[in-house]
Amino acid sequence: MWSLFKLNLWACVWMLVWIIVKPFMKNKHNCLTWAIQQWDRHGGYLALRWGRTARFKWLVWPHFMWIPPYHHDIVQHYIPLKDPDTVKVLPAPYFKGRAVIGDREDEVFEN
C-alpha cells in the first residue's frame, strides 16, 4: 500500500513539473517520456522499478524502462549522460541522456 501511495504522489508531482517545464526542454527526456516514446513507436512493454540513487530510503522515485516486443529478456532504459549513479534528493525533470540495455550494473551496455 505504501508503494502505491508513493507512486501516486510522484505521478502528481511529475504532472505539475511536466506542465511547467516541458515547453522549455526541446531535445531532452526523462526515463518516463523516453519509455513512452519507445512504446508508442515500437510496441512492447513498459516496466517500472524504484530508483536506486535516492538519498533517503523513504524518498525514492520511480524509474521507467522499456522492453521490446521481440525480446522479453532485454530491458532498455534512459539514464543521464552526467553522473547517472550520483545520489540525489530529487531527480532532474528532464536531462540529456543515453539509452542503455540491461538493468543490473554488471549487464548495462550502451545502446
PDB file of N, CA and C in Angstrom:
ATOM      1  N   MET A   1       0.819  -1.191   0.000  1.00  0.00           N
ATOM      2  CA  MET A   1       0.000   0.000   0.000  1.00  0.00           C
ATOM      3  C   MET A   1       0.869   1.263   0.000  1.00  0.00           C
ATOM      4  N   TRP A   2       1.963   1.252   0.752  1.00  0.00           N
ATOM      5  CA  TRP A   2       2.858   2.399   0.814  1.00  0.00           C
ATOM      6  C   TRP A   2       3.466   2.675  -0.555  1.00  0.00           C
ATOM      7  N   SER A   3       3.832   1.627  -1.312  1.00  0.00           N
ATOM      8  CA  SER A   3       4.403   1.817  -2.645  1.00  0.00           C
ATOM      9  C   SER A   3       3.394   2.459  -3.589  1.00  0.00           C
ATOM     10  N   LEU A   4       2.138   2.068  -3.501  1.00  0.00           N
ATOM     11  CA  LEU A   4       1.105   2.659  -4.336  1.00  0.00           C
ATOM     12  C   LEU A   4       0.919   4.138  -3.992  1.00  0.00           C
ATOM     13  N   PHE A   5       0.972   4.469  -2.730  1.00  0.00           N
ATOM     14  CA  PHE A   5       0.873   5.865  -2.315  1.00  0.00           C
ATOM     15  C   PHE A   5       2.032   6.681  -2.880  1.00  0.00           C
ATOM     16  N   LYS A   6       3.260   6.142  -2.763  1.00  0.00           N
ATOM     17  CA  LYS A   6       4.425   6.857  -3.288  1.00  0.00           C
ATOM     18  C   LYS A   6       4.338   7.030  -4.804  1.00  0.00           C
ATOM     19  N   LEU A   7       3.866   6.008  -5.502  1.00  0.00           N
ATOM     20  CA  LEU A   7       3.730   6.099  -6.956  1.00  0.00           C
ATOM     21  C   LEU A   7       2.711   7.170  -7.336  1.00  0.00           C
ATOM     22  N   ASN A   8       1.599   7.228  -6.647  1.00  0.00           N
ATOM     23  CA  ASN A   8       0.590   8.257  -6.918  1.00  0.00           C
ATOM     24  C   ASN A   8       1.117   9.645  -6.591  1.00  0.00           C
ATOM     25  N   LEU A   9       1.868   9.762  -5.513  1.00  0.00           N
ATOM     26  CA  LEU A   9       2.460  11.047  -5.154  1.00  0.00           C
ATOM     27  C   LEU A   9       3.407  11.538  -6.246  1.00  0.00           C
ATOM     28  N   TRP A  10       4.283  10.651  -6.722  1.00  0.00           N
ATOM     29  CA  TRP A  10       5.204  11.039  -7.786  1.00  0.00           C
ATOM     30  C   TRP A  10       4.474  11.351  -9.076  1.00  0.00           C
ATOM     31  N   ALA A  11       3.393  10.656  -9.365  1.00  0.00           N
ATOM     32  CA  ALA A  11       2.619  10.955 -10.576  1.00  0.00           C
ATOM     33  C   ALA A  11       2.077  12.378 -10.519  1.00  0.00           C
ATOM     34  N   CYS A  12       1.571  12.784  -9.379  1.00  0.00           N
ATOM     35  CA  CYS A  12       1.066  14.158  -9.226  1.00  0.00           C
ATOM     36  C   CYS A  12       2.193  15.180  -9.354  1.00  0.00           C
ATOM     37  N   VAL A  13       3.332  14.908  -8.740  1.00  0.00           N
ATOM     38  CA  VAL A  13       4.471  15.830  -8.825  1.00  0.00           C
ATOM     39  C   VAL A  13       4.936  15.961 -10.261  1.00  0.00           C
ATOM     40  N   TRP A  14       5.082  14.835 -10.970  1.00  0.00           N
ATOM     41  CA  TRP A  14       5.584  14.889 -12.342  1.00  0.00           C
ATOM     42  C   TRP A  14       4.606  15.564 -13.285  1.00  0.00           C
ATOM     43  N   MET A  15       3.303  15.415 -13.060  1.00  0.00           N
ATOM     44  CA  MET A  15       2.343  16.105 -13.917  1.00  0.00           C
ATOM     45  C   MET A  15       2.492  17.614 -13.790  1.00  0.00           C
ATOM     46  N   LEU A  16       2.649  18.102 -12.577  1.00  0.00           N
ATOM     47  CA  LEU A  16       2.841  19.533 -12.379  1.00  0.00           C
ATOM     48  C   LEU A  16       4.151  20.014 -12.997  1.00  0.00           C
ATOM     49  N   VAL A  17       5.218  19.257 -12.780  1.00  0.00           N
ATOM     50  CA  VAL A  17       6.521  19.636 -13.344  1.00  0.00           C
ATOM     51  C   VAL A  17       6.467  19.603 -14.866  1.00  0.00           C
ATOM     52  N   TRP A  18       5.819  18.594 -15.426  1.00  0.00           N
ATOM     53  CA  TRP A  18       5.745  18.451 -16.874  1.00  0.00           C
ATOM     54  C   TRP A  18       5.043  19.644 -17.506  1.00  0.00           C
ATOM     55  N   ILE A  19       3.947  20.087 -16.928  1.00  0.00           N
ATOM     56  CA  ILE A  19       3.195  21.218 -17.470  1.00  0.00           C
ATOM     57  C   ILE A  19       4.051  22.483 -17.481  1.00  0.00           C
ATOM     58  N   ILE A  20       4.831  22.685 -16.443  1.00  0.00           N
ATOM     59  CA  ILE A  20       5.631  23.904 -16.322  1.00  0.00           C
ATOM     60  C   ILE A  20       6.907  23.845 -17.157  1.00  0.00           C
ATOM     61  N   VAL A  21       7.600  22.711 -17.169  1.00  0.00           N
ATOM     62  CA  VAL A  21       8.953  22.630 -17.720  1.00  0.00           C
ATOM     63  C   VAL A  21       9.005  22.179 -19.178  1.00  0.00           C
ATOM     64  N   LYS A  22       8.083  21.384 -19.635  1.00  0.00           N
ATOM     65  CA  LYS A  22       8.165  20.764 -20.951  1.00  0.00           C
ATOM     66  C   LYS A  22       8.347  21.747 -22.107  1.00  0.00           C
ATOM     67  N   PRO A  23       7.675  22.902 -22.144  1.00  0.00           N
ATOM     68  CA  PRO A  23       7.897  23.812 -23.277  1.00  0.00           C
ATOM     69  C   PRO A  23       9.343  24.302 -23.419  1.00  0.00           C
ATOM     70  N   PHE A  24      10.114  24.276 -22.350  1.00  0.00           N
ATOM     71  CA  PHE A  24      11.481  24.772 -22.379  1.00  0.00           C
ATOM     72  C   PHE A  24      12.517  23.679 -22.643  1.00  0.00           C
ATOM     73  N   MET A  25      12.127  22.438 -22.657  1.00  0.00           N
ATOM     74  CA  MET A  25      13.047  21.309 -22.812  1.00  0.00           C
ATOM     75  C   MET A  25      12.821  20.620 -24.151  1.00  0.00           C
ATOM     76  N   LYS A  26      13.368  21.187 -25.208  1.00  0.00           N
ATOM     77  CA  LYS A  26      13.090  20.687 -26.559  1.00  0.00           C
ATOM     78  C   LYS A  26      13.693  19.314 -26.840  1.00  0.00           C
ATOM     79  N   ASN A  27      14.973  19.105 -26.636  1.00  0.00           N
ATOM     80  CA  ASN A  27      15.631  17.848 -27.002  1.00  0.00           C
ATOM     81  C   ASN A  27      16.026  17.032 -25.784  1.00  0.00           C
ATOM     82  N   LYS A  28      15.287  17.149 -24.711  1.00  0.00           N
ATOM     83  CA  LYS A  28      15.612  16.408 -23.503  1.00  0.00           C
ATOM     84  C   LYS A  28      14.439  15.501 -23.132  1.00  0.00           C
ATOM     85  N   HIS A  29      14.755  14.440 -22.426  1.00  0.00           N
ATOM     86  CA  HIS A  29      13.755  13.482 -21.966  1.00  0.00           C
ATOM     87  C   HIS A  29      14.017  13.160 -20.508  1.00  0.00           C
ATOM     88  N   ASN A  30      13.160  12.330 -19.951  1.00  0.00           N
ATOM     89  CA  ASN A  30      13.438  11.635 -18.714  1.00  0.00           C
ATOM     90  C   ASN A  30      13.079  10.175 -18.976  1.00  0.00           C
ATOM     91  N   CYS A  31      13.242   9.327 -17.997  1.00  0.00           N
ATOM     92  CA  CYS A  31      13.021   7.897 -18.251  1.00  0.00           C
ATOM     93  C   CYS A  31      11.571   7.615 -18.661  1.00  0.00           C
ATOM     94  N   LEU A  32      10.618   8.360 -18.109  1.00  0.00           N
ATOM     95  CA  LEU A  32       9.210   8.137 -18.434  1.00  0.00           C
ATOM     96  C   LEU A  32       8.897   8.563 -19.864  1.00  0.00           C
ATOM     97  N   THR A  33       9.284   9.764 -20.261  1.00  0.00           N
ATOM     98  CA  THR A  33       8.962  10.226 -21.615  1.00  0.00           C
ATOM     99  C   THR A  33       9.678   9.384 -22.664  1.00  0.00           C
ATOM    100  N   TRP A  34      10.917   8.970 -22.376  1.00  0.00           N
ATOM    101  CA  TRP A  34      11.645   8.132 -23.329  1.00  0.00           C
ATOM    102  C   TRP A  34      10.971   6.759 -23.473  1.00  0.00           C
ATOM    103  N   ALA A  35      10.598   6.141 -22.356  1.00  0.00           N
ATOM    104  CA  ALA A  35       9.973   4.815 -22.401  1.00  0.00           C
ATOM    105  C   ALA A  35       8.619   4.861 -23.109  1.00  0.00           C
ATOM    106  N   ILE A  36       7.847   5.900 -22.861  1.00  0.00           N
ATOM    107  CA  ILE A  36       6.556   6.016 -23.539  1.00  0.00           C
ATOM    108  C   ILE A  36       6.753   6.249 -25.039  1.00  0.00           C
ATOM    109  N   GLN A  37       7.760   7.033 -25.401  1.00  0.00           N
ATOM    110  CA  GLN A  37       8.054   7.256 -26.815  1.00  0.00           C
ATOM    111  C   GLN A  37       8.449   5.948 -27.506  1.00  0.00           C
ATOM    112  N   GLN A  38       9.296   5.138 -26.881  1.00  0.00           N
ATOM    113  CA  GLN A  38       9.695   3.851 -27.460  1.00  0.00           C
ATOM    114  C   GLN A  38       8.498   2.903 -27.572  1.00  0.00           C
ATOM    115  N   TRP A  39       7.671   2.880 -26.559  1.00  0.00           N
ATOM    116  CA  TRP A  39       6.491   2.021 -26.540  1.00  0.00           C
ATOM    117  C   TRP A  39       5.528   2.426 -27.643  1.00  0.00           C
ATOM    118  N   ASP A  40       5.363   3.736 -27.851  1.00  0.00           N
ATOM    119  CA  ASP A  40       4.459   4.237 -28.881  1.00  0.00           C
ATOM    120  C   ASP A  40       4.974   3.917 -30.283  1.00  0.00           C
ATOM    121  N   ARG A  41       6.278   4.014 -30.493  1.00  0.00           N
ATOM    122  CA  ARG A  41       6.858   3.770 -31.819  1.00  0.00           C
ATOM    123  C   ARG A  41       7.000   2.288 -32.149  1.00  0.00           C
ATOM    124  N   HIS A  42       7.435   1.483 -31.170  1.00  0.00           N
ATOM    125  CA  HIS A  42       7.819   0.103 -31.457  1.00  0.00           C
ATOM    126  C   HIS A  42       6.932  -0.945 -30.786  1.00  0.00           C
ATOM    127  N   GLY A  43       6.031  -0.552 -29.914  1.00  0.00           N
ATOM    128  CA  GLY A  43       5.242  -1.527 -29.164  1.00  0.00           C
ATOM    129  C   GLY A  43       6.057  -2.041 -27.989  1.00  0.00           C
ATOM    130  N   GLY A  44       5.715  -3.213 -27.511  1.00  0.00           N
ATOM    131  CA  GLY A  44       6.455  -3.793 -26.395  1.00  0.00           C
ATOM    132  C   GLY A  44       5.764  -3.524 -25.071  1.00  0.00           C
ATOM    133  N   TYR A  45       6.577  -3.345 -24.025  1.00  0.00           N
ATOM    134  CA  TYR A  45       6.045  -3.246 -22.668  1.00  0.00           C
ATOM    135  C   TYR A  45       6.770  -2.150 -21.891  1.00  0.00           C
ATOM    136  N   LEU A  46       6.070  -1.567 -20.947  1.00  0.00           N
ATOM    137  CA  LEU A  46       6.670  -0.625 -20.014  1.00  0.00           C
ATOM    138  C   LEU A  46       6.908  -1.351 -18.694  1.00  0.00           C
ATOM    139  N   ALA A  47       8.039  -1.108 -18.098  1.00  0.00           N
ATOM    140  CA  ALA A  47       8.370  -1.711 -16.802  1.00  0.00           C
ATOM    141  C   ALA A  47       8.678  -0.584 -15.817  1.00  0.00           C
ATOM    142  N   LEU A  48       8.468  -0.858 -14.559  1.00  0.00           N
ATOM    143  CA  LEU A  48       8.649   0.146 -13.518  1.00  0.00           C
ATOM    144  C   LEU A  48       9.397  -0.477 -12.354  1.00  0.00           C
ATOM    145  N   ARG A  49      10.352   0.265 -11.823  1.00  0.00           N
ATOM    146  CA  ARG A  49      11.025  -0.112 -10.581  1.00  0.00           C
ATOM    147  C   ARG A  49      11.329   1.165  -9.828  1.00  0.00           C
ATOM    148  N   TRP A  50      11.682   1.054  -8.574  1.00  0.00           N
ATOM    149  CA  TRP A  50      12.036   2.219  -7.780  1.00  0.00           C
ATOM    150  C   TRP A  50      13.483   2.593  -8.059  1.00  0.00           C
ATOM    151  N   GLY A  51      13.772   3.889  -8.079  1.00  0.00           N
ATOM    152  CA  GLY A  51      15.122   4.380  -8.337  1.00  0.00           C
ATOM    153  C   GLY A  51      16.114   3.884  -7.305  1.00  0.00           C
ATOM    154  N   ARG A  52      17.376   3.778  -7.722  1.00  0.00           N
ATOM    155  CA  ARG A  52      18.415   3.245  -6.842  1.00  0.00           C
ATOM    156  C   ARG A  52      19.355   4.313  -6.301  1.00  0.00           C
ATOM    157  N   THR A  53      19.179   5.556  -6.694  1.00  0.00           N
ATOM    158  CA  THR A  53      20.119   6.595  -6.292  1.00  0.00           C
ATOM    159  C   THR A  53      19.469   7.631  -5.380  1.00  0.00           C
ATOM    160  N   ALA A  54      18.508   7.235  -4.593  1.00  0.00           N
ATOM    161  CA  ALA A  54      17.838   8.167  -3.682  1.00  0.00           C
ATOM    162  C   ALA A  54      18.712   8.412  -2.455  1.00  0.00           C
ATOM    163  N   ARG A  55      18.726   9.645  -2.003  1.00  0.00           N
ATOM    164  CA  ARG A  55      19.500   9.995  -0.818  1.00  0.00           C
ATOM    165  C   ARG A  55      18.861   9.420   0.438  1.00  0.00           C
ATOM    166  N   PHE A  56      17.533   9.443   0.490  1.00  0.00           N
ATOM    167  CA  PHE A  56      16.806   8.912   1.641  1.00  0.00           C
ATOM    168  C   PHE A  56      16.017   7.687   1.202  1.00  0.00           C
ATOM    169  N   LYS A  57      16.049   6.650   1.986  1.00  0.00           N
ATOM    170  CA  LYS A  57      15.384   5.409   1.627  1.00  0.00           C
ATOM    171  C   LYS A  57      13.868   5.581   1.521  1.00  0.00           C
ATOM    172  N   TRP A  58      13.302   6.467   2.298  1.00  0.00           N
ATOM    173  CA  TRP A  58      11.853   6.679   2.290  1.00  0.00           C
ATOM    174  C   TRP A  58      11.413   7.630   1.189  1.00  0.00           C
ATOM    175  N   LEU A  59      12.339   8.287   0.508  1.00  0.00           N
ATOM    176  CA  LEU A  59      12.012   9.220  -0.572  1.00  0.00           C
ATOM    177  C   LEU A  59      12.661   8.728  -1.865  1.00  0.00           C
ATOM    178  N   VAL A  60      12.037   7.769  -2.498  1.00  0.00           N
ATOM    179  CA  VAL A  60      12.532   7.246  -3.775  1.00  0.00           C
ATOM    180  C   VAL A  60      11.525   7.589  -4.864  1.00  0.00           C
ATOM    181  N   TRP A  61      12.001   7.660  -6.081  1.00  0.00           N
ATOM    182  CA  TRP A  61      11.124   7.964  -7.189  1.00  0.00           C
ATOM    183  C   TRP A  61      11.116   6.778  -8.139  1.00  0.00           C
ATOM    184  N   PRO A  62      10.080   6.666  -8.971  1.00  0.00           N
ATOM    185  CA  PRO A  62      10.004   5.543  -9.904  1.00  0.00           C
ATOM    186  C   PRO A  62      10.954   5.718 -11.088  1.00  0.00           C
ATOM    187  N   HIS A  63      11.394   4.605 -11.632  1.00  0.00           N
ATOM    188  CA  HIS A  63      12.235   4.591 -12.827  1.00  0.00           C
ATOM    189  C   HIS A  63      11.537   3.709 -13.854  1.00  0.00           C
ATOM    190  N   PHE A  64      11.301   4.249 -15.039  1.00  0.00           N
ATOM    191  CA  PHE A  64      10.570   3.537 -16.076  1.00  0.00           C
ATOM    192  C   PHE A  64      11.539   2.971 -17.105  1.00  0.00           C
ATOM    193  N   MET A  65      11.226   1.763 -17.568  1.00  0.00           N
ATOM    194  CA  MET A  65      12.047   1.076 -18.556  1.00  0.00           C
ATOM    195  C   MET A  65      11.147   0.560 -19.672  1.00  0.00           C
ATOM    196  N   TRP A  66      11.743   0.233 -20.796  1.00  0.00           N
ATOM    197  CA  TRP A  66      11.009  -0.282 -21.948  1.00  0.00           C
ATOM    198  C   TRP A  66      11.551  -1.648 -22.322  1.00  0.00           C
ATOM    199  N   ILE A  67      10.638  -2.576 -22.608  1.00  0.00           N
ATOM    200  CA  ILE A  67      11.005  -3.927 -23.039  1.00  0.00           C
ATOM    201  C   ILE A  67      10.492  -4.108 -24.461  1.00  0.00           C
ATOM    202  N   PRO A  68      11.376  -4.385 -25.434  1.00  0.00           N
ATOM    203  CA  PRO A  68      10.935  -4.557 -26.826  1.00  0.00           C
ATOM    204  C   PRO A  68       9.992  -5.750 -26.970  1.00  0.00           C
ATOM    205  N   PRO A  69       9.101  -5.718 -27.952  1.00  0.00           N
ATOM    206  CA  PRO A  69       8.138  -6.823 -28.104  1.00  0.00           C
ATOM    207  C   PRO A  69       8.778  -8.126 -28.569  1.00  0.00           C
ATOM    208  N   TYR A  70       9.933  -8.058 -29.215  1.00  0.00           N
ATOM    209  CA  TYR A  70      10.556  -9.249 -29.782  1.00  0.00           C
ATOM    210  C   TYR A  70      11.584  -9.883 -28.858  1.00  0.00           C
ATOM    211  N   HIS A  71      12.016  -9.197 -27.807  1.00  0.00           N
ATOM    212  CA  HIS A  71      12.962  -9.746 -26.833  1.00  0.00           C
ATOM    213  C   HIS A  71      12.456  -9.425 -25.432  1.00  0.00           C
ATOM    214  N   HIS A  72      11.820 -10.352 -24.802  1.00  0.00           N
ATOM    215  CA  HIS A  72      11.250 -10.094 -23.480  1.00  0.00           C
ATOM    216  C   HIS A  72      12.287 -10.117 -22.375  1.00  0.00           C
ATOM    217  N   ASP A  73      13.490 -10.575 -22.674  1.00  0.00           N
ATOM    218  CA  ASP A  73      14.516 -10.625 -21.631  1.00  0.00           C
ATOM    219  C   ASP A  73      15.469  -9.428 -21.702  1.00  0.00           C
ATOM    220  N   ILE A  74      15.258  -8.511 -22.628  1.00  0.00           N
ATOM    221  CA  ILE A  74      16.110  -7.327 -22.762  1.00  0.00           C
ATOM    222  C   ILE A  74      15.348  -6.114 -22.248  1.00  0.00           C
ATOM    223  N   VAL A  75      15.893  -5.460 -21.260  1.00  0.00           N
ATOM    224  CA  VAL A  75      15.298  -4.248 -20.708  1.00  0.00           C
ATOM    225  C   VAL A  75      16.157  -3.068 -21.147  1.00  0.00           C
ATOM    226  N   GLN A  76      15.527  -2.029 -21.661  1.00  0.00           N
ATOM    227  CA  GLN A  76      16.247  -0.822 -22.051  1.00  0.00           C
ATOM    228  C   GLN A  76      15.707   0.341 -21.236  1.00  0.00           C
ATOM    229  N   HIS A  77      16.596   1.233 -20.857  1.00  0.00           N
ATOM    230  CA  HIS A  77      16.146   2.412 -20.133  1.00  0.00           C
ATOM    231  C   HIS A  77      17.039   3.588 -20.425  1.00  0.00           C
ATOM    232  N   TYR A  78      16.618   4.754 -20.002  1.00  0.00           N
ATOM    233  CA  TYR A  78      17.243   6.025 -20.328  1.00  0.00           C
ATOM    234  C   TYR A  78      17.853   6.600 -19.064  1.00  0.00           C
ATOM    235  N   ILE A  79      19.166   6.891 -19.120  1.00  0.00           N
ATOM    236  CA  ILE A  79      19.866   7.426 -17.950  1.00  0.00           C
ATOM    237  C   ILE A  79      20.613   8.695 -18.342  1.00  0.00           C
ATOM    238  N   PRO A  80      20.914   9.566 -17.386  1.00  0.00           N
ATOM    239  CA  PRO A  80      21.613  10.817 -17.708  1.00  0.00           C
ATOM    240  C   PRO A  80      23.040  10.578 -18.202  1.00  0.00           C
ATOM    241  N   LEU A  81      23.505  11.485 -19.057  1.00  0.00           N
ATOM    242  CA  LEU A  81      24.898  11.438 -19.500  1.00  0.00           C
ATOM    243  C   LEU A  81      25.845  11.798 -18.357  1.00  0.00           C
ATOM    244  N   LYS A  82      25.465  12.777 -17.553  1.00  0.00           N
ATOM    245  CA  LYS A  82      26.311  13.238 -16.455  1.00  0.00           C
ATOM    246  C   LYS A  82      25.968  12.508 -15.172  1.00  0.00           C
ATOM    247  N   ASP A  83      26.914  11.825 -14.603  1.00  0.00           N
ATOM    248  CA  ASP A  83      26.808  11.196 -13.289  1.00  0.00           C
ATOM    249  C   ASP A  83      25.499  10.430 -13.071  1.00  0.00           C
ATOM    250  N   PRO A  84      25.246   9.353 -13.822  1.00  0.00           N
ATOM    251  CA  PRO A  84      23.975   8.645 -13.658  1.00  0.00           C
ATOM    252  C   PRO A  84      23.820   7.953 -12.302  1.00  0.00           C
ATOM    253  N   ASP A  85      24.912   7.704 -11.587  1.00  0.00           N
ATOM    254  CA  ASP A  85      24.827   6.990 -10.316  1.00  0.00           C
ATOM    255  C   ASP A  85      24.987   7.896  -9.103  1.00  0.00           C
ATOM    256  N   THR A  86      24.949   9.211  -9.284  1.00  0.00           N
ATOM    257  CA  THR A  86      25.081  10.092  -8.136  1.00  0.00           C
ATOM    258  C   THR A  86      23.812  10.060  -7.299  1.00  0.00           C
ATOM    259  N   VAL A  87      23.984  10.173  -6.006  1.00  0.00           N
ATOM    260  CA  VAL A  87      22.864  10.146  -5.075  1.00  0.00           C
ATOM    261  C   VAL A  87      22.192  11.514  -5.089  1.00  0.00           C
ATOM    262  N   LYS A  88      20.851  11.515  -5.216  1.00  0.00           N
ATOM    263  CA  LYS A  88      20.105  12.762  -5.332  1.00  0.00           C
ATOM    264  C   LYS A  88      18.899  12.746  -4.411  1.00  0.00           C
ATOM    265  N   VAL A  89      18.505  13.928  -3.973  1.00  0.00           N
ATOM    266  CA  VAL A  89      17.250  14.041  -3.225  1.00  0.00           C
ATOM    267  C   VAL A  89      16.090  14.005  -4.207  1.00  0.00           C
ATOM    268  N   LEU A  90      16.177  14.796  -5.266  1.00  0.00           N
ATOM    269  CA  LEU A  90      15.161  14.805  -6.321  1.00  0.00           C
ATOM    270  C   LEU A  90      15.848  14.643  -7.670  1.00  0.00           C
ATOM    271  N   PRO A  91      15.246  13.874  -8.578  1.00  0.00           N
ATOM    272  CA  PRO A  91      15.844  13.720  -9.903  1.00  0.00           C
ATOM    273  C   PRO A  91      15.605  14.955 -10.757  1.00  0.00           C
ATOM    274  N   ALA A  92      16.425  15.134 -11.777  1.00  0.00           N
ATOM    275  CA  ALA A  92      16.207  16.218 -12.731  1.00  0.00           C
ATOM    276  C   ALA A  92      14.952  15.892 -13.540  1.00  0.00           C
ATOM    277  N   PRO A  93      14.084  16.871 -13.764  1.00  0.00           N
ATOM    278  CA  PRO A  93      12.861  16.568 -14.502  1.00  0.00           C
ATOM    279  C   PRO A  93      13.131  16.133 -15.936  1.00  0.00           C
ATOM    280  N   TYR A  94      14.069  16.774 -16.608  1.00  0.00           N
ATOM    281  CA  TYR A  94      14.458  16.413 -17.967  1.00  0.00           C
ATOM    282  C   TYR A  94      15.964  16.551 -18.075  1.00  0.00           C
ATOM    283  N   PHE A  95      16.588  15.690 -18.874  1.00  0.00           N
ATOM    284  CA  PHE A  95      18.038  15.717 -18.985  1.00  0.00           C
ATOM    285  C   PHE A  95      18.457  15.136 -20.321  1.00  0.00           C
ATOM    286  N   LYS A  96      19.681  15.438 -20.736  1.00  0.00           N
ATOM    287  CA  LYS A  96      20.266  14.781 -21.899  1.00  0.00           C
ATOM    288  C   LYS A  96      20.834  13.462 -21.403  1.00  0.00           C
ATOM    289  N   GLY A  97      20.511  12.397 -22.101  1.00  0.00           N
ATOM    290  CA  GLY A  97      20.929  11.092 -21.623  1.00  0.00           C
ATOM    291  C   GLY A  97      21.231  10.135 -22.750  1.00  0.00           C
ATOM    292  N   ARG A  98      21.297   8.873 -22.390  1.00  0.00           N
ATOM    293  CA  ARG A  98      21.564   7.814 -23.360  1.00  0.00           C
ATOM    294  C   ARG A  98      20.733   6.602 -22.990  1.00  0.00           C
ATOM    295  N   ALA A  99      20.429   5.806 -24.000  1.00  0.00           N
ATOM    296  CA  ALA A  99      19.686   4.570 -23.779  1.00  0.00           C
ATOM    297  C   ALA A  99      20.687   3.460 -23.483  1.00  0.00           C
ATOM    298  N   VAL A 100      20.402   2.652 -22.480  1.00  0.00           N
ATOM    299  CA  VAL A 100      21.261   1.520 -22.141  1.00  0.00           C
ATOM    300  C   VAL A 100      20.421   0.251 -22.115  1.00  0.00           C
ATOM    301  N   ILE A 101      21.091  -0.871 -22.317  1.00  0.00           N
ATOM    302  CA  ILE A 101      20.444  -2.176 -22.295  1.00  0.00           C
ATOM    303  C   ILE A 101      20.843  -2.878 -21.014  1.00  0.00           C
ATOM    304  N   GLY A 102      19.884  -3.472 -20.335  1.00  0.00           N
ATOM    305  CA  GLY A 102      20.150  -4.174 -19.091  1.00  0.00           C
ATOM    306  C   GLY A 102      19.861  -3.286 -17.894  1.00  0.00           C
ATOM    307  N   ASP A 103      19.593  -3.904 -16.762  1.00  0.00           N
ATOM    308  CA  ASP A 103      19.235  -3.125 -15.585  1.00  0.00           C
ATOM    309  C   ASP A 103      20.204  -3.296 -14.428  1.00  0.00           C
ATOM    310  N   ARG A 104      20.929  -4.391 -14.380  1.00  0.00           N
ATOM    311  CA  ARG A 104      21.922  -4.556 -13.314  1.00  0.00           C
ATOM    312  C   ARG A 104      23.214  -3.877 -13.716  1.00  0.00           C
ATOM    313  N   GLU A 105      24.016  -3.509 -12.733  1.00  0.00           N
ATOM    314  CA  GLU A 105      25.277  -2.821 -13.016  1.00  0.00           C
ATOM    315  C   GLU A 105      26.221  -3.664 -13.867  1.00  0.00           C
ATOM    316  N   ASP A 106      26.170  -4.977 -13.722  1.00  0.00           N
ATOM    317  CA  ASP A 106      27.105  -5.827 -14.453  1.00  0.00           C
ATOM    318  C   ASP A 106      26.631  -6.168 -15.861  1.00  0.00           C
ATOM    319  N   GLU A 107      25.433  -5.744 -16.281  1.00  0.00           N
ATOM    320  CA  GLU A 107      24.943  -6.089 -17.613  1.00  0.00           C
ATOM    321  C   GLU A 107      24.521  -4.864 -18.424  1.00  0.00           C
ATOM    322  N   VAL A 108      24.895  -3.678 -18.024  1.00  0.00           N
ATOM    323  CA  VAL A 108      24.490  -2.478 -18.747  1.00  0.00           C
ATOM    324  C   VAL A 108      25.431  -2.219 -19.908  1.00  0.00           C
ATOM    325  N   PHE A 109      24.871  -2.115 -21.089  1.00  0.00           N
ATOM    326  CA  PHE A 109      25.624  -1.823 -22.306  1.00  0.00           C
ATOM    327  C   PHE A 109      24.989  -0.615 -22.961  1.00  0.00           C
ATOM    328  N   GLU A 110      25.806   0.264 -23.533  1.00  0.00           N
ATOM    329  CA  GLU A 110      25.251   1.418 -24.227  1.00  0.00           C
ATOM    330  C   GLU A 110      24.555   0.973 -25.491  1.00  0.00           C
ATOM    331  N   ASN A 111      23.452   1.623 -25.772  1.00  0.00           N
ATOM    332  CA  ASN A 111      22.654   1.303 -26.949  1.00  0.00           C
ATOM    333  C   ASN A 111      22.980   2.254 -28.072  1.00  0.00           C
TER     334      ASN A 111
END
